[in-house]
Amino acid sequence: NPMFPRSLTITIITMTDSLSLSLFYLLLVTALHIHHVHSFTTPTSSSIPPSLSHVSSSQSSLKASTANEGTIQVPRSDGSTHQLSYRIARPMSLSSRQAAPIVALHGGPSLPSDYLYPLEDVVPYRSILFYDQLGCGKSDEPNDISLYSIQDSVADLKALLKKLGVRRFHLYGQSYGGILAFEYMKSVACENREEEDDDDVKCLSAVLSSAPTDVPQIEKDFERLTKDLTLPLSGDDDDDDDDDETPIATPNDAELAELFRVNHQCRLPEMPAPLADAYANAGSVWRGTDAICDYVARAPPEDASRMPSSMILRGEYDFVSEDSVEGWREVFNTPFLRYKTLEGCSHHGLLEKGQVYGEIVDSYFAEYD
């Protein structure tokens, strides 16, 4: 999957140790060795089948014609500034009071927003603000690793909202994007300790989709799920009492990768074009669970203002397990926290069951418009 670094995706290394790919690409590359879990790692564009690249490019071009695109500059502590690229679907509705816009946060880190664009198709009427976080997609990718952090990403989000004049919005974060959404809301809650009704910029509600509270726990979950998939299979088709089971060979790396994908990442026969687009434009400097390997969500101080009502969404077969999302109950300082499991889905419910997914997200946000 594209969202988490070390714990959520597999880091794949070529024989020259120069290429790190996502779990989705294990099936597409030969002579690879599974080295570590990396839910947020990224593949190279050369590993994407031409047919997928062609289809996804045409779809992206079609969507871009109905959206406004632009860039802003964001600062870093060393005095440097860098460009963030954004895209606003249905820009005329960005200031709507009836259906507040959605600010969409992609995962990775460093897997750009391409794979979230289908939100436009399943969430009608609302304006949706997408942007590529620093280090991926159309945004700048500075080589200095010290310029990247969750705190810097929170500051970038605040700068983007201010620059575009977005005052009332719903926050949507997928995978690592859910972690970023939480940290943004916590930061605002800490800033507004004595300003409970600050109406300058207001997050009305949030959806955290397939977002874990504990990245080290995801590492353990991955190992468990992978072990389950590698257990030797056997079968006894006879009706007699003899135990004449015939062992089936343990899957090789490529087969294991595909088994993991179709079971726990994206339960579709082929990788969707938007996801192929995202991998083609993914970053390489600050990515995957390696970038946030020690992250564990912490509650805001007791004197912080109350965080927005939020829904925690995950797939029935998601590698982000129930245990790894249960921790949100302990760190949100709001009593209005809702949990929802998407039946038949894994990590990418938006791509697996788009209409159902869109209805859940849109109807939840409508409660807080």
Protein backbone atom coordinates (compact mmCIF):
# COMPACT_ATOMS: atom_id res chain seq x y z
CA ASN A 1 0.00 0.00 0.00
CA PRO A 2 0.97 3.51 -0.56
CA MET A 3 0.43 4.98 2.79
CA PHE A 4 2.72 3.85 5.47
CA PRO A 5 6.41 3.69 5.60
CA ARG A 6 8.07 0.78 7.19
CA SER A 7 5.19 -0.91 8.91
CA LEU A 8 2.54 -0.67 6.30
CA THR A 9 4.32 -1.59 3.16
CA ILE A 10 7.03 -3.91 2.09
CA THR A 11 10.35 -2.42 1.16
CA ILE A 12 11.54 -4.16 -1.91
CA ILE A 13 15.15 -4.06 -2.86
CA THR A 14 16.65 -5.04 -6.19
CA MET A 15 19.83 -7.02 -6.53
CA THR A 16 21.70 -3.70 -6.68
CA ASP A 17 19.89 -2.45 -3.61
CA SER A 18 18.96 0.72 -5.49
CA LEU A 19 15.24 0.41 -5.98
CA SER A 20 12.58 0.62 -3.27
CA LEU A 21 9.11 -0.37 -4.37
CA SER A 22 5.72 -0.69 -2.80
CA LEU A 23 4.08 -3.98 -2.02
CA PHE A 24 1.85 -3.55 -5.04
CA TYR A 25 4.85 -3.80 -7.28
CA LEU A 26 6.33 -6.97 -5.92
CA LEU A 27 4.33 -8.90 -8.47
CA LEU A 28 5.63 -6.73 -11.30
CA VAL A 29 9.35 -6.99 -10.56
CA THR A 30 11.49 -10.11 -10.63
CA ALA A 31 14.60 -10.97 -8.65
CA LEU A 32 13.34 -8.99 -5.66
CA HIS A 33 13.79 -9.76 -2.01
CA ILE A 34 11.40 -8.85 0.79
CA HIS A 35 13.46 -6.84 3.27
CA HIS A 36 11.04 -4.90 5.41
CA VAL A 37 7.47 -3.78 5.75
CA HIS A 38 6.78 -0.47 4.03
CA SER A 39 3.22 0.58 3.63
CA PHE A 40 4.28 3.93 2.34
CA THR A 41 7.11 3.03 0.03
CA THR A 42 7.01 3.99 -3.61
CA PRO A 43 7.79 2.36 -6.95
CA THR A 44 9.42 3.85 -9.98
CA SER A 45 7.48 4.86 -13.06
CA SER A 46 9.33 2.25 -15.09
CA SER A 47 7.64 -0.50 -13.08
CA ILE A 48 4.15 0.61 -14.07
CA PRO A 49 2.67 -1.31 -16.99
CA PRO A 50 2.24 0.92 -20.08
CA SER A 51 -1.46 0.09 -20.24
CA LEU A 52 -2.03 1.39 -16.72
CA SER A 53 0.03 4.51 -17.34
CA HIS A 54 -1.95 5.31 -20.47
CA VAL A 55 -5.36 4.88 -18.88
CA SER A 56 -4.51 6.77 -15.71
CA SER A 57 -2.97 9.69 -17.59
CA SER A 58 -6.09 10.22 -19.67
CA GLN A 59 -8.28 10.10 -16.60
CA SER A 60 -6.12 12.66 -14.81
CA SER A 61 -6.29 14.99 -17.79
CA LEU A 62 -10.06 14.78 -17.86
CA LYS A 63 -10.37 15.64 -14.17
CA ALA A 64 -7.87 18.49 -14.38
CA SER A 65 -10.11 20.28 -16.90
CA THR A 66 -12.78 20.76 -14.21
CA ALA A 67 -10.46 21.92 -11.45
CA ASN A 68 -8.25 24.84 -10.51
CA GLU A 69 -4.58 24.13 -9.93
CA GLY A 70 -1.87 26.26 -8.40
CA THR A 71 1.10 26.44 -6.05
CA ILE A 72 2.12 28.16 -2.83
CA GLN A 73 5.48 28.63 -1.15
CA VAL A 74 6.13 27.13 2.29
CA PRO A 75 9.10 28.02 4.52
CA ARG A 76 11.51 25.87 6.48
CA SER A 77 13.58 26.65 9.56
CA ASP A 78 16.79 26.94 7.54
CA GLY A 79 15.35 29.92 5.66
CA SER A 80 14.58 28.00 2.48
CA THR A 81 11.18 28.04 0.76
CA HIS A 82 9.61 25.28 -1.28
CA GLN A 83 6.66 24.88 -3.61
CA LEU A 84 3.49 22.95 -2.78
CA SER A 85 1.13 22.06 -5.61
CA TYR A 86 -2.63 21.96 -5.02
CA ARG A 87 -5.75 21.12 -6.99
CA ILE A 88 -9.30 22.26 -6.20
CA ALA A 89 -12.17 20.23 -7.62
CA ARG A 90 -15.41 22.24 -8.02
CA PRO A 91 -13.69 25.50 -7.01
CA MET A 92 -16.94 27.47 -7.19
CA SER A 93 -18.15 25.60 -4.09
CA LEU A 94 -15.05 26.24 -1.98
CA SER A 95 -16.89 28.77 0.20
CA SER A 96 -20.23 26.95 0.32
CA ARG A 97 -22.14 27.24 3.61
CA GLN A 98 -24.48 24.35 2.75
CA ALA A 99 -21.86 21.75 1.81
CA ALA A 100 -18.48 22.68 3.25
CA PRO A 101 -15.41 21.64 1.24
CA ILE A 102 -13.23 18.63 1.97
CA VAL A 103 -9.50 19.01 2.53
CA ALA A 104 -7.96 15.68 1.49
CA LEU A 105 -4.67 14.45 2.95
CA HIS A 106 -2.87 11.66 1.12
CA GLY A 107 -0.77 8.93 2.66
CA GLY A 108 2.76 7.71 2.33
CA PRO A 109 4.46 9.74 3.46
CA SER A 110 5.22 10.84 -0.09
CA LEU A 111 2.47 9.07 -2.03
CA PRO A 112 0.74 11.96 -3.87
CA SER A 113 -2.97 12.68 -4.13
CA ASP A 114 -3.63 10.97 -7.48
CA TYR A 115 -5.20 7.91 -5.85
CA LEU A 116 -7.64 10.10 -3.89
CA TYR A 117 -9.04 11.86 -6.98
CA PRO A 118 -11.91 9.33 -7.25
CA LEU A 119 -13.42 11.15 -4.25
CA GLU A 120 -14.68 13.65 -6.82
CA ASP A 121 -16.80 10.96 -8.44
CA VAL A 122 -18.36 9.56 -5.28
CA VAL A 123 -18.80 12.71 -3.18
CA PRO A 124 -21.08 14.99 -5.23
CA TYR A 125 -21.39 18.77 -5.05
CA ARG A 126 -18.64 19.43 -2.52
CA SER A 127 -15.46 21.21 -3.41
CA ILE A 128 -12.41 19.08 -2.63
CA LEU A 129 -8.95 20.49 -1.99
CA PHE A 130 -6.15 18.08 -2.84
CA TYR A 131 -2.48 18.89 -2.48
CA ASP A 132 0.79 17.02 -2.77
CA GLN A 133 2.73 17.23 0.45
CA LEU A 134 6.35 18.31 0.25
CA GLY A 135 8.48 15.59 -1.28
CA CYS A 136 6.14 14.06 -3.85
CA GLY A 137 3.91 14.57 -6.86
CA LYS A 138 4.01 18.05 -8.38
CA SER A 139 5.42 19.60 -5.21
CA ASP A 140 9.11 20.21 -4.59
CA GLU A 141 11.26 17.39 -3.24
CA PRO A 142 14.28 18.85 -1.43
CA ASN A 143 17.04 16.34 -0.75
CA ASP A 144 17.68 17.48 2.83
CA ILE A 145 15.87 15.00 5.09
CA SER A 146 15.88 17.53 7.94
CA LEU A 147 13.30 19.58 6.05
CA TYR A 148 10.67 16.88 6.55
CA SER A 149 8.61 16.08 9.64
CA ILE A 150 5.00 15.65 10.70
CA GLN A 151 5.20 19.04 12.43
CA ASP A 152 6.43 20.68 9.22
CA SER A 153 3.58 19.03 7.32
CA VAL A 154 1.06 20.42 9.82
CA ALA A 155 2.54 23.91 9.33
CA ASP A 156 2.31 23.47 5.54
CA LEU A 157 -1.38 22.57 5.81
CA LYS A 158 -2.08 25.65 7.90
CA ALA A 159 -0.23 27.81 5.38
CA LEU A 160 -2.23 26.32 2.50
CA LEU A 161 -5.58 26.93 4.20
CA LYS A 162 -4.63 30.51 4.98
CA LYS A 163 -3.34 31.24 1.47
CA LEU A 164 -6.49 29.87 -0.19
CA GLY A 165 -8.84 31.47 2.34
CA VAL A 166 -10.43 28.18 3.38
CA ARG A 167 -12.26 28.96 6.62
CA ARG A 168 -14.81 26.17 7.12
CA PHE A 169 -13.98 22.65 5.98
CA HIS A 170 -14.07 18.95 6.69
CA LEU A 171 -10.79 17.07 6.99
CA TYR A 172 -10.22 13.73 5.29
CA GLY A 173 -7.02 11.74 5.81
CA GLN A 174 -6.24 8.35 4.32
CA SER A 175 -3.63 6.08 5.94
CA TYR A 176 -0.68 8.33 6.91
CA GLY A 177 -2.94 11.24 5.92
CA GLY A 178 -5.13 10.30 8.88
CA ILE A 179 -2.15 10.69 11.20
CA LEU A 180 -1.50 14.12 9.69
CA ALA A 181 -5.18 15.04 10.12
CA PHE A 182 -5.07 14.11 13.79
CA GLU A 183 -1.86 16.05 14.41
CA TYR A 184 -3.34 19.11 12.68
CA MET A 185 -6.49 18.99 14.84
CA LYS A 186 -4.43 18.48 17.98
CA SER A 187 -2.20 21.42 17.10
CA VAL A 188 -5.20 23.69 16.59
CA ALA A 189 -6.75 22.45 19.85
CA CYS A 190 -3.56 23.39 21.69
CA GLU A 191 -3.43 26.83 20.07
CA ASN A 192 -7.07 27.52 20.96
CA ARG A 193 -6.89 26.60 24.65
CA GLU A 194 -8.44 29.91 25.62
CA GLU A 195 -10.43 30.45 22.44
CA GLU A 196 -13.09 27.78 22.38
CA ASP A 197 -15.10 29.48 19.65
CA ASP A 198 -12.42 30.59 17.23
CA ASP A 199 -14.27 31.00 13.92
CA ASP A 200 -11.31 32.20 11.86
CA VAL A 201 -10.45 28.77 10.46
CA LYS A 202 -12.64 25.90 11.56
CA CYS A 203 -12.47 22.19 10.90
CA LEU A 204 -16.09 21.03 11.20
CA SER A 205 -15.41 17.28 11.35
CA ALA A 206 -12.92 14.69 10.17
CA VAL A 207 -12.71 11.21 8.67
CA LEU A 208 -9.59 9.17 9.37
CA SER A 209 -9.55 6.31 6.88
CA SER A 210 -7.30 3.30 7.51
CA ALA A 211 -5.10 5.37 9.79
CA PRO A 212 -3.19 3.65 12.64
CA THR A 213 -2.37 5.20 15.98
CA ASP A 214 0.77 3.14 16.45
CA VAL A 215 3.23 2.55 13.60
CA PRO A 216 5.36 -0.02 15.50
CA GLN A 217 2.15 -2.01 16.05
CA ILE A 218 1.55 -1.98 12.30
CA GLU A 219 4.95 -3.59 11.87
CA LYS A 220 3.86 -6.44 14.11
CA ASP A 221 0.50 -6.76 12.38
CA PHE A 222 2.22 -6.98 9.02
CA GLU A 223 4.50 -9.76 10.22
CA ARG A 224 1.50 -11.66 11.57
CA LEU A 225 -0.54 -11.28 8.39
CA THR A 226 2.40 -12.21 6.20
CA LYS A 227 3.10 -15.28 8.30
CA ASP A 228 -0.51 -16.37 7.90
CA LEU A 229 -0.17 -16.10 4.14
CA THR A 230 3.05 -18.11 4.07
CA LEU A 231 1.79 -21.05 6.10
CA PRO A 232 2.00 -24.18 3.92
CA LEU A 233 -1.39 -25.10 2.52
CA SER A 234 -2.65 -28.65 2.27
CA GLY A 235 -5.72 -30.50 1.19
CA ASP A 236 -7.37 -33.89 1.45
CA ASP A 237 -10.05 -34.36 -1.17
CA ASP A 238 -10.90 -37.93 -0.22
CA ASP A 239 -13.92 -38.94 1.81
CA ASP A 240 -12.06 -41.68 3.61
CA ASP A 241 -10.43 -41.43 7.01
CA ASP A 242 -6.91 -41.35 5.65
CA ASP A 243 -4.95 -38.18 6.22
CA ASP A 244 -3.39 -38.14 2.76
CA GLU A 245 -2.90 -34.40 2.55
CA THR A 246 -0.67 -33.13 -0.22
CA PRO A 247 1.40 -30.09 0.82
CA ILE A 248 1.29 -27.08 -1.44
CA ALA A 249 4.50 -25.13 -1.88
CA THR A 250 5.01 -21.95 0.14
CA PRO A 251 4.50 -18.89 -2.12
CA ASN A 252 7.57 -17.11 -3.47
CA ASP A 253 8.14 -13.38 -2.96
CA ALA A 254 6.10 -12.23 -5.93
CA GLU A 255 3.23 -14.57 -5.11
CA LEU A 256 3.30 -13.49 -1.47
CA ALA A 257 3.17 -9.84 -2.48
CA GLU A 258 0.14 -10.42 -4.66
CA LEU A 259 -1.54 -12.48 -1.94
CA PHE A 260 -1.02 -9.64 0.52
CA ARG A 261 -2.31 -7.07 -1.94
CA VAL A 262 -5.54 -8.86 -2.82
CA ASN A 263 -6.20 -9.77 0.80
CA HIS A 264 -5.21 -6.70 2.80
CA GLN A 265 -4.41 -3.74 0.55
CA CYS A 266 -6.66 -3.48 -2.50
CA ARG A 267 -9.04 -6.34 -3.15
CA LEU A 268 -9.36 -5.81 -6.89
CA PRO A 269 -8.06 -8.09 -9.67
CA GLU A 270 -5.75 -5.35 -10.95
CA MET A 271 -4.25 -2.24 -9.45
CA PRO A 272 -6.53 0.76 -10.17
CA ALA A 273 -5.20 3.43 -12.51
CA PRO A 274 -5.31 6.26 -9.90
CA LEU A 275 -3.06 4.21 -7.64
CA ALA A 276 -0.67 3.57 -10.53
CA ASP A 277 -0.55 7.33 -11.09
CA ALA A 278 0.30 7.92 -7.44
CA TYR A 279 3.15 5.42 -7.49
CA ALA A 280 4.51 6.92 -10.70
CA ASN A 281 4.75 10.32 -9.00
CA ALA A 282 5.79 9.22 -5.50
CA GLY A 283 8.72 10.75 -3.67
CA SER A 284 11.90 9.04 -2.54
CA VAL A 285 13.52 11.25 0.12
CA TRP A 286 11.03 11.01 2.99
CA ARG A 287 8.69 8.10 2.48
CA GLY A 288 7.05 5.08 3.97
CA THR A 289 7.00 3.97 7.52
CA ASP A 290 10.76 4.44 7.74
CA ALA A 291 10.03 8.16 7.90
CA ILE A 292 7.66 7.80 10.87
CA CYS A 293 8.77 4.47 12.33
CA ASP A 294 8.46 5.62 15.95
CA TYR A 295 5.11 7.39 15.65
CA VAL A 296 2.53 6.72 18.36
CA ALA A 297 -0.41 9.12 18.70
CA ARG A 298 -0.57 11.11 21.94
CA ALA A 299 -3.52 12.95 23.45
CA PRO A 300 -3.48 16.76 23.62
CA PRO A 301 -2.98 18.48 27.00
CA GLU A 302 -5.97 18.58 29.33
CA ASP A 303 -6.41 22.31 28.81
CA ALA A 304 -6.62 22.05 25.03
CA SER A 305 -9.89 22.93 23.34
CA ARG A 306 -12.09 20.10 22.13
CA MET A 307 -11.13 18.50 18.84
CA PRO A 308 -13.71 18.10 16.04
CA SER A 309 -16.06 15.13 15.90
CA SER A 310 -14.44 12.39 13.86
CA MET A 311 -15.13 9.04 12.22
CA ILE A 312 -12.56 6.25 12.19
CA LEU A 313 -13.01 4.20 9.03
CA ARG A 314 -11.26 0.99 8.01
CA GLY A 315 -11.80 -2.04 5.82
CA GLU A 316 -12.87 -5.43 7.08
CA TYR A 317 -9.64 -7.00 5.73
CA ASP A 318 -7.44 -3.92 6.21
CA PHE A 319 -3.86 -4.51 7.34
CA VAL A 320 -4.56 -1.56 9.64
CA SER A 321 -6.21 -3.80 12.21
CA GLU A 322 -8.95 -3.10 14.72
CA ASP A 323 -6.32 -3.02 17.47
CA SER A 324 -4.27 -0.40 15.63
CA VAL A 325 -7.24 1.99 15.29
CA GLU A 326 -8.73 1.36 18.72
CA GLY A 327 -6.14 3.71 20.20
CA TRP A 328 -7.90 6.74 18.71
CA ARG A 329 -10.43 6.47 21.54
CA GLU A 330 -7.67 7.25 24.01
CA VAL A 331 -6.17 10.28 22.25
CA PHE A 332 -9.16 12.20 20.90
CA ASN A 333 -10.49 14.61 23.52
CA THR A 334 -13.97 14.57 22.04
CA PRO A 335 -16.77 12.18 23.06
CA PHE A 336 -18.06 12.23 19.49
CA LEU A 337 -15.90 9.58 17.92
CA ARG A 338 -17.53 7.07 15.59
CA TYR A 339 -16.15 3.82 14.21
CA LYS A 340 -17.14 2.24 10.90
CA THR A 341 -15.91 -0.93 9.21
CA LEU A 342 -16.38 -1.36 5.46
CA GLU A 343 -17.47 -4.91 4.72
CA GLY A 344 -15.52 -6.66 2.00
CA CYS A 345 -12.87 -3.94 1.79
CA SER A 346 -9.24 -3.70 2.80
CA HIS A 347 -6.97 -0.62 2.89
CA HIS A 348 -8.35 1.17 -0.16
CA GLY A 349 -12.09 1.21 0.32
CA LEU A 350 -12.40 4.26 -1.93
CA LEU A 351 -11.02 2.27 -4.85
CA GLU A 352 -12.70 -1.01 -3.93
CA LYS A 353 -16.28 0.11 -3.27
CA GLY A 354 -16.34 3.73 -4.33
CA GLN A 355 -20.06 4.48 -4.20
CA VAL A 356 -20.56 2.95 -0.77
CA TYR A 357 -17.43 4.64 0.50
CA GLY A 358 -18.46 8.02 -0.88
CA GLU A 359 -21.93 7.82 0.65
CA ILE A 360 -20.46 7.06 4.07
CA VAL A 361 -18.00 9.94 3.93
CA ASP A 362 -20.43 12.49 2.48
CA SER A 363 -23.30 11.63 4.81
CA TYR A 364 -21.01 11.90 7.83
CA PHE A 365 -19.76 15.32 6.79
CA ALA A 366 -23.34 16.44 6.10
CA GLU A 367 -24.14 15.93 9.78
CA TYR A 368 -21.67 18.70 10.66
CA ASP A 369 -22.19 21.19 7.81
